[in-house]
C-alpha atoms as a PDB file:
ATOM      1  CA  MET A   1      11.206 -29.081-112.078  1.00  0.00           C
ATOM      2  CA  ASN A   2       9.606 -25.582-110.839  1.00  0.00           C
ATOM      3  CA  LEU A   3       7.143 -27.691-108.635  1.00  0.00           C
ATOM      4  CA  LEU A   4       5.377 -25.227-107.366  1.00  0.00           C
ATOM      5  CA  GLY A   5       5.130 -22.714-110.505  1.00  0.00           C
ATOM      6  CA  ALA A   6       3.963 -25.634-112.223  1.00  0.00           C
ATOM      7  CA  GLY A   7       0.323 -26.825-114.011  1.00  0.00           C
ATOM      8  CA  VAL A   8      -1.315 -30.147-112.784  1.00  0.00           C
ATOM      9  CA  GLY A   9      -0.202 -31.695-116.144  1.00  0.00           C
ATOM     10  CA  GLU A  10       3.281 -30.864-115.996  1.00  0.00           C
ATOM     11  CA  VAL A  11       3.728 -32.132-112.164  1.00  0.00           C
ATOM     12  CA  ARG A  12       1.710 -35.422-113.295  1.00  0.00           C
ATOM     13  CA  ALA A  13       3.905 -35.583-116.319  1.00  0.00           C
ATOM     14  CA  GLY A  14       6.918 -35.372-113.901  1.00  0.00           C
ATOM     15  CA  LEU A  15       5.189 -38.103-111.462  1.00  0.00           C
ATOM     16  CA  VAL A  16       4.916 -40.105-114.206  1.00  0.00           C
ATOM     17  CA  GLN A  17       8.227 -39.680-116.155  1.00  0.00           C
ATOM     18  CA  LYS A  18       9.965 -40.180-112.547  1.00  0.00           C
ATOM     19  CA  VAL A  19      11.592 -36.744-112.617  1.00  0.00           C
ATOM     20  CA  VAL A  20       9.977 -35.787-109.190  1.00  0.00           C
ATOM     21  CA  SER A  21       7.948 -37.801-106.627  1.00  0.00           C
ATOM     22  CA  ALA A  22       4.916 -37.642-105.258  1.00  0.00           C
ATOM     23  CA  VAL A  23       6.368 -37.074-101.776  1.00  0.00           C
ATOM     24  CA  GLU A  24       8.657 -34.202-102.891  1.00  0.00           C
ATOM     25  CA  VAL A  25       5.802 -32.431-104.550  1.00  0.00           C
ATOM     26  CA  CYS A  26       4.064 -32.709-101.470  1.00  0.00           C
ATOM     27  CA  GLU A  27       6.896 -31.620 -99.132  1.00  0.00           C
ATOM     28  CA  ALA A  28       7.486 -28.503-101.536  1.00  0.00           C
ATOM     29  CA  ALA A  29       3.419 -27.880-100.684  1.00  0.00           C
ATOM     30  CA  ILE A  30       4.012 -28.194 -97.055  1.00  0.00           C
ATOM     31  CA  LYS A  31       6.757 -26.167 -97.273  1.00  0.00           C
ATOM     32  CA  ARG A  32       5.214 -23.176 -98.799  1.00  0.00           C
ATOM     33  CA  GLN A  33       2.177 -23.493 -96.461  1.00  0.00           C
ATOM     34  CA  ALA A  34       4.818 -22.052 -93.631  1.00  0.00           C
ATOM     35  CA  VAL A  35       5.836 -19.059 -95.928  1.00  0.00           C
ATOM     36  CA  VAL A  36       2.182 -17.865 -97.005  1.00  0.00           C
ATOM     37  CA  SER A  37       0.823 -18.847 -93.492  1.00  0.00           C
ATOM     38  CA  SER A  38       0.099 -15.032 -92.196  1.00  0.00           C
ATOM     39  CA  LEU A  39      -1.998 -14.868 -95.469  1.00  0.00           C
ATOM     40  CA  ARG A  40      -4.265 -17.220 -93.704  1.00  0.00           C
ATOM     41  CA  PRO A  41      -5.108 -19.876 -96.972  1.00  0.00           C
ATOM     42  CA  PHE A  42      -5.959 -22.609 -94.812  1.00  0.00           C
ATOM     43  CA  ILE A  43      -7.901 -22.799 -91.136  1.00  0.00           C
ATOM     44  CA  THR A  44      -6.790 -27.044 -90.890  1.00  0.00           C
ATOM     45  CA  PRO A  45      -3.163 -27.855 -92.600  1.00  0.00           C
ATOM     46  CA  THR A  46      -3.108 -31.666 -92.848  1.00  0.00           C
ATOM     47  CA  GLN A  47       0.228 -32.080 -93.181  1.00  0.00           C
ATOM     48  CA  ASP A  48       0.722 -35.344 -91.701  1.00  0.00           C
ATOM     49  CA  THR A  49      -2.713 -36.819 -93.771  1.00  0.00           C
ATOM     50  CA  ALA A  50      -0.586 -35.772 -96.616  1.00  0.00           C
ATOM     51  CA  ARG A  51       2.640 -37.233 -96.063  1.00  0.00           C
ATOM     52  CA  GLU A  52       0.628 -40.493 -95.452  1.00  0.00           C
ATOM     53  CA  ALA A  53      -1.294 -40.240 -99.001  1.00  0.00           C
ATOM     54  CA  ALA A  54       1.646 -38.959-100.943  1.00  0.00           C
ATOM     55  CA  GLN A  55       3.725 -41.938 -99.575  1.00  0.00           C
ATOM     56  CA  ARG A  56       0.809 -44.172-101.152  1.00  0.00           C
ATOM     57  CA  ALA A  57       0.955 -42.501-104.351  1.00  0.00           C
ATOM     58  CA  HIS A  58       4.629 -42.801-104.657  1.00  0.00           C
ATOM     59  CA  ARG A  59       4.323 -46.642-104.289  1.00  0.00           C
ATOM     60  CA  ARG A  60       1.738 -46.453-107.118  1.00  0.00           C
ATOM     61  CA  TYR A  61       4.135 -44.622-109.158  1.00  0.00           C
ATOM     62  CA  GLU A  62       7.009 -46.838-108.415  1.00  0.00           C
ATOM     63  CA  GLU A  63       4.615 -49.770-109.404  1.00  0.00           C
ATOM     64  CA  GLY A  64       3.608 -47.992-112.647  1.00  0.00           C
ATOM     65  CA  LYS A  65       0.365 -48.229-111.417  1.00  0.00           C
ATOM     66  CA  PRO A  66      -0.856 -44.533-110.577  1.00  0.00           C
ATOM     67  CA  MET A  67      -4.593 -44.118-110.284  1.00  0.00           C
ATOM     68  CA  GLY A  68      -5.309 -41.464-112.581  1.00  0.00           C
ATOM     69  CA  PRO A  69      -4.236 -37.636-113.379  1.00  0.00           C
ATOM     70  CA  LEU A  70      -4.921 -36.719-109.735  1.00  0.00           C
ATOM     71  CA  ASP A  71      -3.149 -39.301-107.776  1.00  0.00           C
ATOM     72  CA  GLY A  72      -0.386 -37.840-105.854  1.00  0.00           C
ATOM     73  CA  ILE A  73      -1.085 -34.064-106.568  1.00  0.00           C
ATOM     74  CA  PRO A  74      -1.737 -31.671-103.579  1.00  0.00           C
ATOM     75  CA  VAL A  75      -5.333 -30.311-103.308  1.00  0.00           C
ATOM     76  CA  ALA A  76      -7.030 -27.896-100.782  1.00  0.00           C
ATOM     77  CA  ILE A  77     -10.186 -28.445 -99.893  1.00  0.00           C
ATOM     78  CA  LYS A  78     -12.425 -25.818 -98.934  1.00  0.00           C
ATOM     79  CA  ASP A  79     -13.362 -25.828 -95.637  1.00  0.00           C
ATOM     80  CA  ASN A  80     -17.770 -25.632 -96.121  1.00  0.00           C
ATOM     81  CA  PHE A  81     -16.715 -29.647 -97.181  1.00  0.00           C
ATOM     82  CA  CYS A  82     -17.053 -32.118 -94.966  1.00  0.00           C
ATOM     83  CA  THR A  83     -13.652 -34.772 -94.508  1.00  0.00           C
ATOM     84  CA  LYS A  84     -14.167 -37.624 -92.456  1.00  0.00           C
ATOM     85  CA  GLY A  85     -12.036 -37.639 -89.706  1.00  0.00           C
ATOM     86  CA  ILE A  86     -10.360 -33.992 -90.047  1.00  0.00           C
ATOM     87  CA  THR A  87     -12.209 -30.785 -88.706  1.00  0.00           C
ATOM     88  CA  THR A  88     -14.692 -28.772 -90.679  1.00  0.00           C
ATOM     89  CA  THR A  89     -15.661 -25.479 -89.661  1.00  0.00           C
ATOM     90  CA  CYS A  90     -17.047 -23.580 -91.939  1.00  0.00           C
ATOM     91  CA  GLY A  91     -14.984 -20.394 -90.817  1.00  0.00           C
ATOM     92  CA  SER A  92     -17.496 -20.822 -87.767  1.00  0.00           C
ATOM     93  CA  ASN A  93     -16.686 -20.992 -84.018  1.00  0.00           C
ATOM     94  CA  MET A  94     -19.497 -22.899 -83.817  1.00  0.00           C
ATOM     95  CA  LEU A  95     -17.938 -25.421 -85.328  1.00  0.00           C
ATOM     96  CA  ARG A  96     -14.691 -25.350 -84.294  1.00  0.00           C
ATOM     97  CA  HIS A  97     -13.995 -28.799 -82.780  1.00  0.00           C
ATOM     98  CA  TYR A  98     -16.845 -30.780 -85.427  1.00  0.00           C
ATOM     99  CA  ILE A  99     -15.330 -33.500 -86.678  1.00  0.00           C
ATOM    100  CA  PRO A 100     -17.624 -35.316 -89.662  1.00  0.00           C
ATOM    101  CA  PRO A 101     -18.036 -38.606 -89.813  1.00  0.00           C
ATOM    102  CA  TYR A 102     -18.190 -38.688 -93.441  1.00  0.00           C
ATOM    103  CA  SER A 103     -16.758 -37.007 -96.143  1.00  0.00           C
ATOM    104  CA  ALA A 104     -18.611 -34.903 -98.974  1.00  0.00           C
ATOM    105  CA  THR A 105     -19.143 -37.006-102.193  1.00  0.00           C
ATOM    106  CA  VAL A 106     -16.474 -34.231-103.669  1.00  0.00           C
ATOM    107  CA  VAL A 107     -14.067 -34.810-101.183  1.00  0.00           C
ATOM    108  CA  GLU A 108     -14.663 -38.441-101.461  1.00  0.00           C
ATOM    109  CA  ARG A 109     -13.852 -38.769-105.211  1.00  0.00           C
ATOM    110  CA  LEU A 110     -10.784 -36.741-104.972  1.00  0.00           C
ATOM    111  CA  LEU A 111      -9.560 -38.797-102.511  1.00  0.00           C
ATOM    112  CA  SER A 112     -10.307 -41.996-104.353  1.00  0.00           C
ATOM    113  CA  ALA A 113      -8.376 -40.777-107.170  1.00  0.00           C
ATOM    114  CA  GLY A 114      -5.325 -40.097-105.092  1.00  0.00           C
ATOM    115  CA  ALA A 115      -5.167 -36.600-104.554  1.00  0.00           C
ATOM    116  CA  VAL A 116      -3.291 -35.397-101.705  1.00  0.00           C
ATOM    117  CA  LEU A 117      -5.042 -33.165 -98.855  1.00  0.00           C
ATOM    118  CA  VAL A 118      -2.838 -30.639 -97.764  1.00  0.00           C
ATOM    119  CA  GLY A 119      -5.563 -28.409 -95.891  1.00  0.00           C
ATOM    120  CA  LYS A 120      -8.949 -27.360 -95.443  1.00  0.00           C
ATOM    121  CA  THR A 121      -9.012 -23.751 -96.789  1.00  0.00           C
ATOM    122  CA  ASN A 122     -10.557 -20.595 -95.307  1.00  0.00           C
ATOM    123  CA  LEU A 123     -13.840 -18.838 -96.268  1.00  0.00           C
ATOM    124  CA  ASP A 124     -16.388 -16.273 -95.172  1.00  0.00           C
ATOM    125  CA  GLU A 125     -18.413 -17.799 -92.093  1.00  0.00           C
ATOM    126  CA  PHE A 126     -20.765 -20.222 -93.645  1.00  0.00           C
ATOM    127  CA  GLY A 127     -19.584 -19.138 -97.165  1.00  0.00           C
ATOM    128  CA  MET A 128     -21.570 -15.827 -96.578  1.00  0.00           C
ATOM    129  CA  GLY A 129     -19.512 -12.647 -97.816  1.00  0.00           C
ATOM    130  CA  SER A 130     -17.643 -11.785-100.809  1.00  0.00           C
ATOM    131  CA  GLY A 131     -13.966 -11.503 -99.935  1.00  0.00           C
ATOM    132  CA  THR A 132     -12.963 -14.509 -97.115  1.00  0.00           C
ATOM    133  CA  ILE A 133     -12.681 -11.325 -94.864  1.00  0.00           C
ATOM    134  CA  ASP A 134     -15.629 -12.453 -92.379  1.00  0.00           C
ATOM    135  CA  SER A 135     -13.874 -16.074 -91.207  1.00  0.00           C
ATOM    136  CA  SER A 136     -13.940 -16.404 -87.332  1.00  0.00           C
ATOM    137  CA  PHE A 137     -10.633 -17.226 -88.269  1.00  0.00           C
ATOM    138  CA  GLY A 138      -9.320 -13.864 -89.575  1.00  0.00           C
ATOM    139  CA  GLY A 139      -9.438 -12.934 -93.358  1.00  0.00           C
ATOM    140  CA  SER A 140      -7.288 -14.114 -96.171  1.00  0.00           C
ATOM    141  CA  ARG A 141      -4.904 -11.755 -97.622  1.00  0.00           C
ATOM    142  CA  ASN A 142      -4.236 -11.827-101.499  1.00  0.00           C
ATOM    143  CA  VAL A 143      -0.302 -12.812-101.953  1.00  0.00           C
ATOM    144  CA  TYR A 144      -0.431  -9.480-104.156  1.00  0.00           C
ATOM    145  CA  ARG A 145       1.738  -6.502-102.536  1.00  0.00           C
ATOM    146  CA  SER A 146       1.778  -8.761 -99.499  1.00  0.00           C
ATOM    147  CA  GLY A 147       5.656  -8.690 -99.209  1.00  0.00           C
ATOM    148  CA  ILE A 148       6.047 -12.203-100.161  1.00  0.00           C
ATOM    149  CA  GLN A 149       8.305 -13.317-103.322  1.00  0.00           C
ATOM    150  CA  TYR A 150       6.321 -14.869-105.755  1.00  0.00           C
ATOM    151  CA  GLU A 151       5.827 -14.995-109.528  1.00  0.00           C
ATOM    152  CA  LEU A 152       3.344 -15.755-112.641  1.00  0.00           C
ATOM    153  CA  THR A 153       4.399 -18.454-115.283  1.00  0.00           C
ATOM    154  CA  GLY A 154       3.948 -17.527-118.711  1.00  0.00           C
ATOM    155  CA  THR A 155       4.406 -14.155-118.271  1.00  0.00           C
ATOM    156  CA  GLU A 156       7.345 -11.913-118.060  1.00  0.00           C
ATOM    157  CA  GLU A 157       5.711  -8.724-116.289  1.00  0.00           C
ATOM    158  CA  LYS A 158       7.179  -8.168-113.114  1.00  0.00           C
ATOM    159  CA  TYR A 159       4.568  -8.062-110.137  1.00  0.00           C
ATOM    160  CA  PRO A 160       5.300  -5.191-106.938  1.00  0.00           C
ATOM    161  CA  THR A 161       5.881  -7.797-104.161  1.00  0.00           C
ATOM    162  CA  SER A 162       6.680  -5.071-101.418  1.00  0.00           C
ATOM    163  CA  GLY A 163       4.078  -4.830 -99.135  1.00  0.00           C
ATOM    164  CA  LEU A 164       1.382  -2.268 -98.245  1.00  0.00           C
ATOM    165  CA  GLU A 165       1.953   0.356 -95.550  1.00  0.00           C
ATOM    166  CA  HIS A 166      -0.232   0.638 -92.410  1.00  0.00           C
ATOM    167  CA  ASP A 167      -1.060  -3.217 -92.524  1.00  0.00           C
ATOM    168  CA  ASP A 168      -2.974  -2.020 -95.807  1.00  0.00           C
ATOM    169  CA  TRP A 169      -3.481  -5.400 -97.681  1.00  0.00           C
ATOM    170  CA  VAL A 170      -5.656  -6.572-100.870  1.00  0.00           C
ATOM    171  CA  VAL A 171      -8.669  -8.957-100.415  1.00  0.00           C
ATOM    172  CA  THR A 172      -8.436 -12.473-102.194  1.00  0.00           C
ATOM    173  CA  GLY A 173     -12.148 -11.900-103.326  1.00  0.00           C
ATOM    174  CA  GLY A 174     -14.871 -14.484-103.044  1.00  0.00           C
ATOM    175  CA  SER A 175     -16.299 -16.412-100.381  1.00  0.00           C
ATOM    176  CA  SER A 176     -13.477 -18.923-101.651  1.00  0.00           C
ATOM    177  CA  GLY A 177     -10.762 -16.907-101.291  1.00  0.00           C
ATOM    178  CA  GLY A 178      -8.368 -19.701 -99.110  1.00  0.00           C
ATOM    179  CA  SER A 179      -8.957 -21.875-102.179  1.00  0.00           C
ATOM    180  CA  ALA A 180      -7.667 -19.730-104.563  1.00  0.00           C
ATOM    181  CA  LEU A 181      -4.680 -18.105-102.172  1.00  0.00           C
ATOM    182  CA  SER A 182      -3.598 -21.559-101.966  1.00  0.00           C
ATOM    183  CA  VAL A 183      -3.484 -22.555-105.427  1.00  0.00           C
ATOM    184  CA  ALA A 184      -2.237 -18.588-106.178  1.00  0.00           C
ATOM    185  CA  THR A 185       0.550 -19.070-103.808  1.00  0.00           C
ATOM    186  CA  GLY A 186       1.725 -22.924-104.777  1.00  0.00           C
ATOM    187  CA  THR A 187       0.383 -24.850-101.794  1.00  0.00           C
ATOM    188  CA  ALA A 188      -1.842 -26.839-103.953  1.00  0.00           C
ATOM    189  CA  PHE A 189      -2.348 -27.342-107.230  1.00  0.00           C
ATOM    190  CA  VAL A 190      -6.363 -27.621-107.148  1.00  0.00           C
END
């Protein structure tokens, strides 16, 4: 099973059929994070938290009691959503050390559905921008023409993977560029 090129439904089916484990899916996403880190999809990777959540999801699947369609699925959260006990920066140096005492409702719902949080994604500072180039932690760079090998499922078209010259690069677009990049590079499925 090509984990990183699959959609949520395909990965979920693999988990239910025990073709793959939640731990294997999580490790594949974490391994891919290292490969694409230079593109800056994440401000705060949460690898230890992800591994613990994947272990819990694995046990639920082994017992035949998964929590639902997101159980064991690696997800990334835009770093402007509060995550209890995990740094939330909003892409700003001003909040570099802020650790919220609560989680945003969307985060609570994802985690209570068994989703595996693999990291907090890059964004324009306080979401005020349009290309994820105005983050205090550096702009996110599109995987397209980055020099990193990738493929798009469902198409036979060939896309250039060689890097652009003179440190030129393509933006990820929007203030949620880190989130888009995490899905596009296979470091998260949602």
